[in-house]
Amino acid sequence: MYVLDLESVKDFFVRYFNAAAGEMYHNTKTDFKSYFLTFDGGARLEIMTRPQLADNRKSQLQCGLIHIAFSVGGKEQVNSLTQTLSNAGYEVVSGPRTTGDGYYESCILGPENNLIEITE
């Protein structure tokens, strides 16, 4: 996931999703920087930045990677984390609710307006 503010996005995932951040990689020739974030269960996410990234307006209805989902263990955890993120100023886009396909979830706009689904 390319981001503009690498440290802020890293801190978001560490604080709210218990990610463990590896050491920052920095290619001094290109000024590319990245962190690998590891989550409970072994999933990993690489967040990256470099100069002159395009910051196009994001739409929830477009082709490509639009959102990322995290399972937090149950309905109470979905409710609690959604409320915590709302209290921290993140916009709750939907939920918490049970979707038509049976998932209990909420969606928030996280750092840099990336859509993050929180599911049981």
PDB file of N, CA and C in Angstrom:
ATOM      1  N   MET A   1       0.859  -1.163   0.000  1.00  0.00           N
ATOM      2  CA  MET A   1       0.000   0.000   0.000  1.00  0.00           C
ATOM      3  C   MET A   1       0.905   1.227   0.000  1.00  0.00           C
ATOM      4  N   TYR A   2       0.817   2.014  -1.069  1.00  0.00           N
ATOM      5  CA  TYR A   2       1.549   3.278  -1.098  1.00  0.00           C
ATOM      6  C   TYR A   2       0.809   4.315  -0.275  1.00  0.00           C
ATOM      7  N   VAL A   3       1.544   5.075   0.522  1.00  0.00           N
ATOM      8  CA  VAL A   3       0.972   6.113   1.375  1.00  0.00           C
ATOM      9  C   VAL A   3       1.855   7.355   1.319  1.00  0.00           C
ATOM     10  N   LEU A   4       1.278   8.475   1.679  1.00  0.00           N
ATOM     11  CA  LEU A   4       2.050   9.715   1.717  1.00  0.00           C
ATOM     12  C   LEU A   4       2.813   9.857   3.032  1.00  0.00           C
ATOM     13  N   ASP A   5       2.149   9.565   4.148  1.00  0.00           N
ATOM     14  CA  ASP A   5       2.753   9.737   5.471  1.00  0.00           C
ATOM     15  C   ASP A   5       3.019   8.362   6.089  1.00  0.00           C
ATOM     16  N   LEU A   6       4.178   7.830   5.787  1.00  0.00           N
ATOM     17  CA  LEU A   6       4.540   6.465   6.184  1.00  0.00           C
ATOM     18  C   LEU A   6       4.438   6.261   7.698  1.00  0.00           C
ATOM     19  N   GLU A   7       4.971   7.174   8.468  1.00  0.00           N
ATOM     20  CA  GLU A   7       4.987   7.011   9.929  1.00  0.00           C
ATOM     21  C   GLU A   7       3.582   7.051  10.516  1.00  0.00           C
ATOM     22  N   SER A   8       2.759   7.950  10.033  1.00  0.00           N
ATOM     23  CA  SER A   8       1.387   8.054  10.536  1.00  0.00           C
ATOM     24  C   SER A   8       0.582   6.795  10.243  1.00  0.00           C
ATOM     25  N   VAL A   9       0.706   6.265   9.037  1.00  0.00           N
ATOM     26  CA  VAL A   9      -0.025   5.049   8.677  1.00  0.00           C
ATOM     27  C   VAL A   9       0.498   3.857   9.480  1.00  0.00           C
ATOM     28  N   LYS A  10       1.806   3.768   9.640  1.00  0.00           N
ATOM     29  CA  LYS A  10       2.380   2.694  10.469  1.00  0.00           C
ATOM     30  C   LYS A  10       1.814   2.769  11.887  1.00  0.00           C
ATOM     31  N   ASP A  11       1.840   3.965  12.460  1.00  0.00           N
ATOM     32  CA  ASP A  11       1.354   4.133  13.832  1.00  0.00           C
ATOM     33  C   ASP A  11      -0.127   3.770  13.958  1.00  0.00           C
ATOM     34  N   PHE A  12      -0.939   4.072  12.947  1.00  0.00           N
ATOM     35  CA  PHE A  12      -2.355   3.713  12.945  1.00  0.00           C
ATOM     36  C   PHE A  12      -2.523   2.202  13.070  1.00  0.00           C
ATOM     37  N   PHE A  13      -1.831   1.439  12.228  1.00  0.00           N
ATOM     38  CA  PHE A  13      -1.986  -0.020  12.251  1.00  0.00           C
ATOM     39  C   PHE A  13      -1.390  -0.644  13.512  1.00  0.00           C
ATOM     40  N   VAL A  14      -0.335  -0.072  14.032  1.00  0.00           N
ATOM     41  CA  VAL A  14       0.243  -0.569  15.279  1.00  0.00           C
ATOM     42  C   VAL A  14      -0.723  -0.305  16.433  1.00  0.00           C
ATOM     43  N   ARG A  15      -1.258   0.906  16.487  1.00  0.00           N
ATOM     44  CA  ARG A  15      -2.122   1.288  17.602  1.00  0.00           C
ATOM     45  C   ARG A  15      -3.471   0.573  17.594  1.00  0.00           C
ATOM     46  N   TYR A  16      -4.139   0.526  16.447  1.00  0.00           N
ATOM     47  CA  TYR A  16      -5.513   0.043  16.408  1.00  0.00           C
ATOM     48  C   TYR A  16      -5.662  -1.417  15.989  1.00  0.00           C
ATOM     49  N   PHE A  17      -4.663  -1.980  15.310  1.00  0.00           N
ATOM     50  CA  PHE A  17      -4.774  -3.358  14.823  1.00  0.00           C
ATOM     51  C   PHE A  17      -3.642  -4.250  15.330  1.00  0.00           C
ATOM     52  N   ASN A  18      -2.898  -3.764  16.320  1.00  0.00           N
ATOM     53  CA  ASN A  18      -1.839  -4.529  16.985  1.00  0.00           C
ATOM     54  C   ASN A  18      -0.785  -5.059  16.025  1.00  0.00           C
ATOM     55  N   ALA A  19      -0.505  -4.311  14.952  1.00  0.00           N
ATOM     56  CA  ALA A  19       0.548  -4.724  14.015  1.00  0.00           C
ATOM     57  C   ALA A  19       1.906  -4.584  14.685  1.00  0.00           C
ATOM     58  N   ALA A  20       2.799  -5.458  14.299  1.00  0.00           N
ATOM     59  CA  ALA A  20       4.200  -5.338  14.693  1.00  0.00           C
ATOM     60  C   ALA A  20       4.951  -4.828  13.466  1.00  0.00           C
ATOM     61  N   ALA A  21       5.620  -3.701  13.628  1.00  0.00           N
ATOM     62  CA  ALA A  21       6.338  -3.102  12.501  1.00  0.00           C
ATOM     63  C   ALA A  21       7.790  -3.554  12.506  1.00  0.00           C
ATOM     64  N   GLY A  22       8.249  -3.995  11.333  1.00  0.00           N
ATOM     65  CA  GLY A  22       9.659  -4.309  11.182  1.00  0.00           C
ATOM     66  C   GLY A  22      10.459  -3.024  11.058  1.00  0.00           C
ATOM     67  N   GLU A  23      11.739  -3.157  10.817  1.00  0.00           N
ATOM     68  CA  GLU A  23      12.593  -1.995  10.618  1.00  0.00           C
ATOM     69  C   GLU A  23      12.248  -1.316   9.299  1.00  0.00           C
ATOM     70  N   MET A  24      12.347   0.006   9.275  1.00  0.00           N
ATOM     71  CA  MET A  24      12.095   0.717   8.030  1.00  0.00           C
ATOM     72  C   MET A  24      13.217   0.425   7.046  1.00  0.00           C
ATOM     73  N   TYR A  25      12.821   0.139   5.799  1.00  0.00           N
ATOM     74  CA  TYR A  25      13.775  -0.002   4.700  1.00  0.00           C
ATOM     75  C   TYR A  25      13.824   1.335   3.974  1.00  0.00           C
ATOM     76  N   HIS A  26      15.026   1.791   3.633  1.00  0.00           N
ATOM     77  CA  HIS A  26      15.179   3.063   2.919  1.00  0.00           C
ATOM     78  C   HIS A  26      16.208   2.891   1.813  1.00  0.00           C
ATOM     79  N   ASN A  27      15.762   3.034   0.575  1.00  0.00           N
ATOM     80  CA  ASN A  27      16.662   3.031  -0.578  1.00  0.00           C
ATOM     81  C   ASN A  27      17.051   4.487  -0.807  1.00  0.00           C
ATOM     82  N   THR A  28      18.282   4.827  -0.489  1.00  0.00           N
ATOM     83  CA  THR A  28      18.703   6.221  -0.558  1.00  0.00           C
ATOM     84  C   THR A  28      18.820   6.742  -1.986  1.00  0.00           C
ATOM     85  N   LYS A  29      18.959   5.851  -2.955  1.00  0.00           N
ATOM     86  CA  LYS A  29      19.047   6.301  -4.353  1.00  0.00           C
ATOM     87  C   LYS A  29      17.694   6.790  -4.869  1.00  0.00           C
ATOM     88  N   THR A  30      16.622   6.090  -4.513  1.00  0.00           N
ATOM     89  CA  THR A  30      15.289   6.453  -5.011  1.00  0.00           C
ATOM     90  C   THR A  30      14.432   7.147  -3.952  1.00  0.00           C
ATOM     91  N   ASP A  31      14.895   7.162  -2.716  1.00  0.00           N
ATOM     92  CA  ASP A  31      14.171   7.666  -1.548  1.00  0.00           C
ATOM     93  C   ASP A  31      12.898   6.865  -1.266  1.00  0.00           C
ATOM     94  N   PHE A  32      12.858   5.612  -1.746  1.00  0.00           N
ATOM     95  CA  PHE A  32      11.775   4.678  -1.428  1.00  0.00           C
ATOM     96  C   PHE A  32      11.953   4.241   0.018  1.00  0.00           C
ATOM     97  N   LYS A  33      10.848   4.235   0.774  1.00  0.00           N
ATOM     98  CA  LYS A  33      10.871   3.784   2.170  1.00  0.00           C
ATOM     99  C   LYS A  33       9.687   2.845   2.377  1.00  0.00           C
ATOM    100  N   SER A  34       9.887   1.832   3.230  1.00  0.00           N
ATOM    101  CA  SER A  34       8.775   0.922   3.516  1.00  0.00           C
ATOM    102  C   SER A  34       8.928   0.262   4.873  1.00  0.00           C
ATOM    103  N   TYR A  35       7.795  -0.208   5.366  1.00  0.00           N
ATOM    104  CA  TYR A  35       7.725  -1.052   6.559  1.00  0.00           C
ATOM    105  C   TYR A  35       6.914  -2.288   6.201  1.00  0.00           C
ATOM    106  N   PHE A  36       7.301  -3.430   6.739  1.00  0.00           N
ATOM    107  CA  PHE A  36       6.433  -4.592   6.736  1.00  0.00           C
ATOM    108  C   PHE A  36       5.743  -4.635   8.092  1.00  0.00           C
ATOM    109  N   LEU A  37       4.427  -4.727   8.061  1.00  0.00           N
ATOM    110  CA  LEU A  37       3.621  -4.833   9.267  1.00  0.00           C
ATOM    111  C   LEU A  37       3.114  -6.262   9.362  1.00  0.00           C
ATOM    112  N   THR A  38       3.276  -6.884  10.514  1.00  0.00           N
ATOM    113  CA  THR A  38       2.833  -8.253  10.726  1.00  0.00           C
ATOM    114  C   THR A  38       1.698  -8.242  11.741  1.00  0.00           C
ATOM    115  N   PHE A  39       0.635  -8.983  11.414  1.00  0.00           N
ATOM    116  CA  PHE A  39      -0.565  -9.029  12.252  1.00  0.00           C
ATOM    117  C   PHE A  39      -0.708 -10.410  12.873  1.00  0.00           C
ATOM    118  N   ASP A  40      -1.505 -10.490  13.951  1.00  0.00           N
ATOM    119  CA  ASP A  40      -1.797 -11.782  14.575  1.00  0.00           C
ATOM    120  C   ASP A  40      -2.274 -12.753  13.503  1.00  0.00           C
ATOM    121  N   GLY A  41      -1.798 -13.963  13.539  1.00  0.00           N
ATOM    122  CA  GLY A  41      -2.168 -14.963  12.544  1.00  0.00           C
ATOM    123  C   GLY A  41      -1.200 -15.022  11.374  1.00  0.00           C
ATOM    124  N   GLY A  42      -0.271 -14.055  11.299  1.00  0.00           N
ATOM    125  CA  GLY A  42       0.775 -14.120  10.288  1.00  0.00           C
ATOM    126  C   GLY A  42       0.585 -13.271   9.048  1.00  0.00           C
ATOM    127  N   ALA A  43      -0.579 -12.635   8.878  1.00  0.00           N
ATOM    128  CA  ALA A  43      -0.761 -11.777   7.701  1.00  0.00           C
ATOM    129  C   ALA A  43       0.225 -10.619   7.767  1.00  0.00           C
ATOM    130  N   ARG A  44       0.686 -10.194   6.578  1.00  0.00           N
ATOM    131  CA  ARG A  44       1.625  -9.066   6.516  1.00  0.00           C
ATOM    132  C   ARG A  44       1.149  -8.053   5.484  1.00  0.00           C
ATOM    133  N   LEU A  45       1.441  -6.811   5.753  1.00  0.00           N
ATOM    134  CA  LEU A  45       1.119  -5.707   4.857  1.00  0.00           C
ATOM    135  C   LEU A  45       2.357  -4.842   4.728  1.00  0.00           C
ATOM    136  N   GLU A  46       2.754  -4.562   3.498  1.00  0.00           N
ATOM    137  CA  GLU A  46       3.858  -3.633   3.292  1.00  0.00           C
ATOM    138  C   GLU A  46       3.271  -2.264   2.983  1.00  0.00           C
ATOM    139  N   ILE A  47       3.685  -1.274   3.759  1.00  0.00           N
ATOM    140  CA  ILE A  47       3.322   0.108   3.460  1.00  0.00           C
ATOM    141  C   ILE A  47       4.571   0.799   2.942  1.00  0.00           C
ATOM    142  N   MET A  48       4.387   1.639   1.911  1.00  0.00           N
ATOM    143  CA  MET A  48       5.534   2.192   1.195  1.00  0.00           C
ATOM    144  C   MET A  48       5.276   3.656   0.862  1.00  0.00           C
ATOM    145  N   THR A  49       6.367   4.390   0.677  1.00  0.00           N
ATOM    146  CA  THR A  49       6.264   5.755   0.190  1.00  0.00           C
ATOM    147  C   THR A  49       7.488   6.080  -0.633  1.00  0.00           C
ATOM    148  N   ARG A  50       7.339   7.091  -1.446  1.00  0.00           N
ATOM    149  CA  ARG A  50       8.444   7.627  -2.234  1.00  0.00           C
ATOM    150  C   ARG A  50       8.044   9.018  -2.679  1.00  0.00           C
ATOM    151  N   PRO A  51       8.994   9.828  -3.068  1.00  0.00           N
ATOM    152  CA  PRO A  51       8.648  11.188  -3.497  1.00  0.00           C
ATOM    153  C   PRO A  51       7.733  11.176  -4.714  1.00  0.00           C
ATOM    154  N   GLN A  52       6.958  12.218  -4.829  1.00  0.00           N
ATOM    155  CA  GLN A  52       6.135  12.497  -6.007  1.00  0.00           C
ATOM    156  C   GLN A  52       5.063  11.434  -6.278  1.00  0.00           C
ATOM    157  N   LEU A  53       4.495  10.868  -5.214  1.00  0.00           N
ATOM    158  CA  LEU A  53       3.356   9.962  -5.399  1.00  0.00           C
ATOM    159  C   LEU A  53       2.138  10.768  -5.839  1.00  0.00           C
ATOM    160  N   ALA A  54       1.376  10.228  -6.758  1.00  0.00           N
ATOM    161  CA  ALA A  54       0.101  10.847  -7.129  1.00  0.00           C
ATOM    162  C   ALA A  54      -0.888  10.585  -6.001  1.00  0.00           C
ATOM    163  N   ASP A  55      -1.632  11.592  -5.621  1.00  0.00           N
ATOM    164  CA  ASP A  55      -2.631  11.444  -4.559  1.00  0.00           C
ATOM    165  C   ASP A  55      -4.007  11.722  -5.146  1.00  0.00           C
ATOM    166  N   ASN A  56      -4.458  10.791  -5.985  1.00  0.00           N
ATOM    167  CA  ASN A  56      -5.754  10.947  -6.640  1.00  0.00           C
ATOM    168  C   ASN A  56      -6.882  10.732  -5.650  1.00  0.00           C
ATOM    169  N   ARG A  57      -7.988  11.391  -5.891  1.00  0.00           N
ATOM    170  CA  ARG A  57      -9.168  11.228  -5.056  1.00  0.00           C
ATOM    171  C   ARG A  57      -9.620   9.773  -5.110  1.00  0.00           C
ATOM    172  N   LYS A  58      -9.898   9.201  -3.959  1.00  0.00           N
ATOM    173  CA  LYS A  58     -10.337   7.812  -3.891  1.00  0.00           C
ATOM    174  C   LYS A  58     -11.859   7.749  -3.947  1.00  0.00           C
ATOM    175  N   SER A  59     -12.362   6.771  -4.652  1.00  0.00           N
ATOM    176  CA  SER A  59     -13.793   6.528  -4.723  1.00  0.00           C
ATOM    177  C   SER A  59     -14.045   5.096  -4.284  1.00  0.00           C
ATOM    178  N   GLN A  60     -15.135   4.865  -3.567  1.00  0.00           N
ATOM    179  CA  GLN A  60     -15.465   3.507  -3.142  1.00  0.00           C
ATOM    180  C   GLN A  60     -15.976   2.669  -4.296  1.00  0.00           C
ATOM    181  N   LEU A  61     -16.261   3.300  -5.426  1.00  0.00           N
ATOM    182  CA  LEU A  61     -16.780   2.591  -6.593  1.00  0.00           C
ATOM    183  C   LEU A  61     -15.826   2.796  -7.763  1.00  0.00           C
ATOM    184  N   GLN A  62     -14.697   2.116  -7.715  1.00  0.00           N
ATOM    185  CA  GLN A  62     -13.734   2.179  -8.812  1.00  0.00           C
ATOM    186  C   GLN A  62     -13.026   0.834  -8.905  1.00  0.00           C
ATOM    187  N   CYS A  63     -12.403   0.586 -10.019  1.00  0.00           N
ATOM    188  CA  CYS A  63     -11.639  -0.646 -10.191  1.00  0.00           C
ATOM    189  C   CYS A  63     -10.365  -0.576  -9.360  1.00  0.00           C
ATOM    190  N   GLY A  64      -9.875  -1.726  -8.985  1.00  0.00           N
ATOM    191  CA  GLY A  64      -8.617  -1.784  -8.245  1.00  0.00           C
ATOM    192  C   GLY A  64      -8.852  -2.044  -6.772  1.00  0.00           C
ATOM    193  N   LEU A  65      -7.785  -1.966  -6.017  1.00  0.00           N
ATOM    194  CA  LEU A  65      -7.849  -2.191  -4.574  1.00  0.00           C
ATOM    195  C   LEU A  65      -8.576  -1.022  -3.924  1.00  0.00           C
ATOM    196  N   ILE A  66      -9.716  -1.287  -3.330  1.00  0.00           N
ATOM    197  CA  ILE A  66     -10.537  -0.231  -2.751  1.00  0.00           C
ATOM    198  C   ILE A  66     -10.525  -0.294  -1.223  1.00  0.00           C
ATOM    199  N   HIS A  67     -10.521  -1.494  -0.673  1.00  0.00           N
ATOM    200  CA  HIS A  67     -10.512  -1.579   0.783  1.00  0.00           C
ATOM    201  C   HIS A  67      -9.727  -2.805   1.234  1.00  0.00           C
ATOM    202  N   ILE A  68      -9.397  -2.781   2.510  1.00  0.00           N
ATOM    203  CA  ILE A  68      -8.704  -3.895   3.139  1.00  0.00           C
ATOM    204  C   ILE A  68      -9.523  -4.279   4.362  1.00  0.00           C
ATOM    205  N   ALA A  69      -9.649  -5.572   4.630  1.00  0.00           N
ATOM    206  CA  ALA A  69     -10.480  -6.049   5.731  1.00  0.00           C
ATOM    207  C   ALA A  69      -9.622  -6.717   6.803  1.00  0.00           C
ATOM    208  N   PHE A  70     -10.008  -6.493   8.054  1.00  0.00           N
ATOM    209  CA  PHE A  70      -9.335  -7.100   9.194  1.00  0.00           C
ATOM    210  C   PHE A  70     -10.354  -7.793  10.069  1.00  0.00           C
ATOM    211  N   SER A  71     -10.094  -9.053  10.404  1.00  0.00           N
ATOM    212  CA  SER A  71     -10.913  -9.789  11.342  1.00  0.00           C
ATOM    213  C   SER A  71     -10.377  -9.526  12.745  1.00  0.00           C
ATOM    214  N   VAL A  72     -11.274  -9.109  13.639  1.00  0.00           N
ATOM    215  CA  VAL A  72     -10.835  -8.745  14.988  1.00  0.00           C
ATOM    216  C   VAL A  72     -11.349  -9.695  16.061  1.00  0.00           C
ATOM    217  N   GLY A  73     -12.063 -10.760  15.671  1.00  0.00           N
ATOM    218  CA  GLY A  73     -12.374 -11.804  16.622  1.00  0.00           C
ATOM    219  C   GLY A  73     -13.816 -11.961  17.061  1.00  0.00           C
ATOM    220  N   GLY A  74     -14.654 -10.969  16.881  1.00  0.00           N
ATOM    221  CA  GLY A  74     -16.044 -11.121  17.300  1.00  0.00           C
ATOM    222  C   GLY A  74     -16.800  -9.808  17.218  1.00  0.00           C
ATOM    223  N   LYS A  75     -18.125  -9.907  17.452  1.00  0.00           N
ATOM    224  CA  LYS A  75     -18.982  -8.725  17.350  1.00  0.00           C
ATOM    225  C   LYS A  75     -18.591  -7.636  18.344  1.00  0.00           C
ATOM    226  N   GLU A  76     -18.316  -8.014  19.567  1.00  0.00           N
ATOM    227  CA  GLU A  76     -17.945  -7.028  20.588  1.00  0.00           C
ATOM    228  C   GLU A  76     -16.665  -6.288  20.199  1.00  0.00           C
ATOM    229  N   GLN A  77     -15.707  -7.022  19.613  1.00  0.00           N
ATOM    230  CA  GLN A  77     -14.466  -6.380  19.180  1.00  0.00           C
ATOM    231  C   GLN A  77     -14.719  -5.424  18.018  1.00  0.00           C
ATOM    232  N   VAL A  78     -15.616  -5.825  17.093  1.00  0.00           N
ATOM    233  CA  VAL A  78     -15.987  -4.931  15.985  1.00  0.00           C
ATOM    234  C   VAL A  78     -16.599  -3.657  16.556  1.00  0.00           C
ATOM    235  N   ASN A  79     -17.553  -3.809  17.470  1.00  0.00           N
ATOM    236  CA  ASN A  79     -18.221  -2.655  18.074  1.00  0.00           C
ATOM    237  C   ASN A  79     -17.229  -1.759  18.804  1.00  0.00           C
ATOM    238  N   SER A  80     -16.383  -2.360  19.595  1.00  0.00           N
ATOM    239  CA  SER A  80     -15.433  -1.601  20.404  1.00  0.00           C
ATOM    240  C   SER A  80     -14.429  -0.838  19.537  1.00  0.00           C
ATOM    241  N   LEU A  81     -13.837  -1.528  18.559  1.00  0.00           N
ATOM    242  CA  LEU A  81     -12.839  -0.870  17.716  1.00  0.00           C
ATOM    243  C   LEU A  81     -13.479   0.219  16.857  1.00  0.00           C
ATOM    244  N   THR A  82     -14.681  -0.033  16.359  1.00  0.00           N
ATOM    245  CA  THR A  82     -15.387   0.980  15.573  1.00  0.00           C
ATOM    246  C   THR A  82     -15.620   2.233  16.414  1.00  0.00           C
ATOM    247  N   GLN A  83     -16.062   2.046  17.646  1.00  0.00           N
ATOM    248  CA  GLN A  83     -16.299   3.187  18.535  1.00  0.00           C
ATOM    249  C   GLN A  83     -14.992   3.910  18.858  1.00  0.00           C
ATOM    250  N   THR A  84     -13.937   3.150  19.116  1.00  0.00           N
ATOM    251  CA  THR A  84     -12.630   3.749  19.404  1.00  0.00           C
ATOM    252  C   THR A  84     -12.152   4.599  18.234  1.00  0.00           C
ATOM    253  N   LEU A  85     -12.280   4.061  17.016  1.00  0.00           N
ATOM    254  CA  LEU A  85     -11.837   4.807  15.833  1.00  0.00           C
ATOM    255  C   LEU A  85     -12.717   6.033  15.592  1.00  0.00           C
ATOM    256  N   SER A  86     -14.008   5.904  15.810  1.00  0.00           N
ATOM    257  CA  SER A  86     -14.914   7.040  15.679  1.00  0.00           C
ATOM    258  C   SER A  86     -14.537   8.136  16.674  1.00  0.00           C
ATOM    259  N   ASN A  87     -14.278   7.741  17.917  1.00  0.00           N
ATOM    260  CA  ASN A  87     -13.879   8.703  18.948  1.00  0.00           C
ATOM    261  C   ASN A  87     -12.557   9.381  18.607  1.00  0.00           C
ATOM    262  N   ALA A  88     -11.706   8.685  17.860  1.00  0.00           N
ATOM    263  CA  ALA A  88     -10.406   9.241  17.467  1.00  0.00           C
ATOM    264  C   ALA A  88     -10.519  10.128  16.226  1.00  0.00           C
ATOM    265  N   GLY A  89     -11.742  10.252  15.690  1.00  0.00           N
ATOM    266  CA  GLY A  89     -11.959  11.154  14.572  1.00  0.00           C
ATOM    267  C   GLY A  89     -12.017  10.518  13.206  1.00  0.00           C
ATOM    268  N   TYR A  90     -11.962   9.191  13.141  1.00  0.00           N
ATOM    269  CA  TYR A  90     -12.069   8.506  11.857  1.00  0.00           C
ATOM    270  C   TYR A  90     -13.546   8.361  11.490  1.00  0.00           C
ATOM    271  N   GLU A  91     -13.868   8.594  10.232  1.00  0.00           N
ATOM    272  CA  GLU A  91     -15.256   8.538   9.777  1.00  0.00           C
ATOM    273  C   GLU A  91     -15.739   7.101   9.660  1.00  0.00           C
ATOM    274  N   VAL A  92     -16.868   6.792  10.302  1.00  0.00           N
ATOM    275  CA  VAL A  92     -17.504   5.490  10.155  1.00  0.00           C
ATOM    276  C   VAL A  92     -18.403   5.575   8.917  1.00  0.00           C
ATOM    277  N   VAL A  93     -18.098   4.757   7.913  1.00  0.00           N
ATOM    278  CA  VAL A  93     -18.831   4.783   6.648  1.00  0.00           C
ATOM    279  C   VAL A  93     -20.068   3.899   6.721  1.00  0.00           C
ATOM    280  N   SER A  94     -19.954   2.765   7.428  1.00  0.00           N
ATOM    281  CA  SER A  94     -21.102   1.871   7.579  1.00  0.00           C
ATOM    282  C   SER A  94     -20.936   1.024   8.830  1.00  0.00           C
ATOM    283  N   GLY A  95     -22.082   0.603   9.366  1.00  0.00           N
ATOM    284  CA  GLY A  95     -22.107  -0.334  10.479  1.00  0.00           C
ATOM    285  C   GLY A  95     -21.808   0.317  11.814  1.00  0.00           C
ATOM    286  N   PRO A  96     -21.548  -0.578  12.763  1.00  0.00           N
ATOM    287  CA  PRO A  96     -21.525  -2.033  12.655  1.00  0.00           C
ATOM    288  C   PRO A  96     -22.907  -2.596  12.305  1.00  0.00           C
ATOM    289  N   ARG A  97     -22.857  -3.652  11.500  1.00  0.00           N
ATOM    290  CA  ARG A  97     -24.101  -4.257  11.010  1.00  0.00           C
ATOM    291  C   ARG A  97     -23.804  -5.655  10.475  1.00  0.00           C
ATOM    292  N   THR A  98     -24.874  -6.433  10.305  1.00  0.00           N
ATOM    293  CA  THR A  98     -24.753  -7.721   9.635  1.00  0.00           C
ATOM    294  C   THR A  98     -25.109  -7.487   8.170  1.00  0.00           C
ATOM    295  N   THR A  99     -24.213  -7.860   7.286  1.00  0.00           N
ATOM    296  CA  THR A  99     -24.421  -7.643   5.857  1.00  0.00           C
ATOM    297  C   THR A  99     -25.342  -8.718   5.287  1.00  0.00           C
ATOM    298  N   GLY A 100     -25.780  -8.528   4.058  1.00  0.00           N
ATOM    299  CA  GLY A 100     -26.660  -9.486   3.399  1.00  0.00           C
ATOM    300  C   GLY A 100     -26.051 -10.860   3.254  1.00  0.00           C
ATOM    301  N   ASP A 101     -24.713 -10.933   3.204  1.00  0.00           N
ATOM    302  CA  ASP A 101     -24.061 -12.237   3.091  1.00  0.00           C
ATOM    303  C   ASP A 101     -23.631 -12.793   4.447  1.00  0.00           C
ATOM    304  N   GLY A 102     -24.126 -12.164   5.543  1.00  0.00           N
ATOM    305  CA  GLY A 102     -23.959 -12.743   6.867  1.00  0.00           C
ATOM    306  C   GLY A 102     -22.754 -12.295   7.673  1.00  0.00           C
ATOM    307  N   TYR A 103     -21.979 -11.348   7.170  1.00  0.00           N
ATOM    308  CA  TYR A 103     -20.819 -10.877   7.923  1.00  0.00           C
ATOM    309  C   TYR A 103     -21.217  -9.738   8.855  1.00  0.00           C
ATOM    310  N   TYR A 104     -20.656  -9.751  10.047  1.00  0.00           N
ATOM    311  CA  TYR A 104     -20.837  -8.627  10.959  1.00  0.00           C
ATOM    312  C   TYR A 104     -19.628  -7.737  10.784  1.00  0.00           C
ATOM    313  N   GLU A 105     -19.857  -6.474  10.401  1.00  0.00           N
ATOM    314  CA  GLU A 105     -18.739  -5.622  10.041  1.00  0.00           C
ATOM    315  C   GLU A 105     -19.086  -4.153  10.188  1.00  0.00           C
ATOM    316  N   SER A 106     -18.046  -3.361  10.130  1.00  0.00           N
ATOM    317  CA  SER A 106     -18.172  -1.918   9.954  1.00  0.00           C
ATOM    318  C   SER A 106     -17.070  -1.505   8.990  1.00  0.00           C
ATOM    319  N   CYS A 107     -17.214  -0.316   8.427  1.00  0.00           N
ATOM    320  CA  CYS A 107     -16.179   0.233   7.554  1.00  0.00           C
ATOM    321  C   CYS A 107     -15.875   1.646   8.002  1.00  0.00           C
ATOM    322  N   ILE A 108     -14.595   1.971   8.052  1.00  0.00           N
ATOM    323  CA  ILE A 108     -14.169   3.320   8.414  1.00  0.00           C
ATOM    324  C   ILE A 108     -13.222   3.833   7.341  1.00  0.00           C
ATOM    325  N   LEU A 109     -13.117   5.145   7.274  1.00  0.00           N
ATOM    326  CA  LEU A 109     -12.079   5.751   6.441  1.00  0.00           C
ATOM    327  C   LEU A 109     -10.880   5.977   7.337  1.00  0.00           C
ATOM    328  N   GLY A 110      -9.829   5.233   7.062  1.00  0.00           N
ATOM    329  CA  GLY A 110      -8.612   5.324   7.856  1.00  0.00           C
ATOM    330  C   GLY A 110      -7.700   6.415   7.348  1.00  0.00           C
ATOM    331  N   PRO A 111      -6.429   6.333   7.695  1.00  0.00           N
ATOM    332  CA  PRO A 111      -5.480   7.342   7.237  1.00  0.00           C
ATOM    333  C   PRO A 111      -5.506   7.462   5.716  1.00  0.00           C
ATOM    334  N   GLU A 112      -5.422   8.694   5.257  1.00  0.00           N
ATOM    335  CA  GLU A 112      -5.381   8.994   3.829  1.00  0.00           C
ATOM    336  C   GLU A 112      -6.625   8.497   3.098  1.00  0.00           C
ATOM    337  N   ASN A 113      -7.736   8.395   3.842  1.00  0.00           N
ATOM    338  CA  ASN A 113      -9.036   7.998   3.312  1.00  0.00           C
ATOM    339  C   ASN A 113      -9.064   6.608   2.682  1.00  0.00           C
ATOM    340  N   ASN A 114      -8.246   5.703   3.205  1.00  0.00           N
ATOM    341  CA  ASN A 114      -8.304   4.314   2.779  1.00  0.00           C
ATOM    342  C   ASN A 114      -9.443   3.621   3.525  1.00  0.00           C
ATOM    343  N   LEU A 115     -10.285   2.893   2.792  1.00  0.00           N
ATOM    344  CA  LEU A 115     -11.423   2.213   3.366  1.00  0.00           C
ATOM    345  C   LEU A 115     -10.971   0.949   4.081  1.00  0.00           C
ATOM    346  N   ILE A 116     -11.285   0.860   5.372  1.00  0.00           N
ATOM    347  CA  ILE A 116     -10.871  -0.288   6.184  1.00  0.00           C
ATOM    348  C   ILE A 116     -12.124  -0.945   6.747  1.00  0.00           C
ATOM    349  N   GLU A 117     -12.282  -2.237   6.421  1.00  0.00           N
ATOM    350  CA  GLU A 117     -13.399  -3.035   6.916  1.00  0.00           C
ATOM    351  C   GLU A 117     -12.944  -3.751   8.181  1.00  0.00           C
ATOM    352  N   ILE A 118     -13.776  -3.671   9.203  1.00  0.00           N
ATOM    353  CA  ILE A 118     -13.516  -4.352  10.477  1.00  0.00           C
ATOM    354  C   ILE A 118     -14.580  -5.422  10.601  1.00  0.00           C
ATOM    355  N   THR A 119     -14.166  -6.669  10.644  1.00  0.00           N
ATOM    356  CA  THR A 119     -15.120  -7.770  10.661  1.00  0.00           C
ATOM    357  C   THR A 119     -14.794  -8.717  11.813  1.00  0.00           C
ATOM    358  N   GLU A 120     -15.803  -9.524  12.174  1.00  0.00           N
ATOM    359  CA  GLU A 120     -15.578 -10.475  13.265  1.00  0.00           C
ATOM    360  C   GLU A 120     -14.741 -11.591  12.741  1.00  0.00           C
TER     361      GLU A 120
END
